[in-house]
């Protein structure tokens, strides 16, 4: 125990000259809106970075360096100043997805995904615009690993989601917040 405390004391005393190391990831486009000609008019961009402190931290797995990450989301729009989207971390966390799709004919976006840690049988959905989260939903789905088909498909300008549920296919109207069973 004395050796361990001595080691910790020496490590703490020897951190004065350590500088954090910053790593900036390239910007990543996670959603695009296009006009009738196919020209991109809006884009949601993720800029992320992480800093590694060269100060060893004791973990159950042994000594590790301390890492801090940041993620900032922006809305890039033709002929308008770039704007930060502070609600995006909540959208990404709630939807379990890092992708967004524009809802055609509106200023709204959607994000949807399955939980990568769980069984994949829950579909998390978020409808949002630049200022707020409009709606969230969770659907029971047949996971891709069971059916070899995607849990959902976007249709009609991303206004309709065809969802594969355990009870069969349903159409979800993302604007009206209604579902309808698909008849075969």
Foldseek 3Di string as FASTA:
>chain_A
DVVVVVVVVVLVVPQPPWDKDKAWDPKDWQEFDADPVRHTFKTKIKTKMKIWTPRWDQDPVGTDTDMDMDIWIWIDGPPDDIGTQVCVVVLCVQQVDSHWYAQPPDQKIKGWAANPVDPRQKIWIWIGHSHDTDDIDIAGFDHCVRVVDHQWDADDRSQWIFGHHPVGTWIAGVVVRDIDHDDD
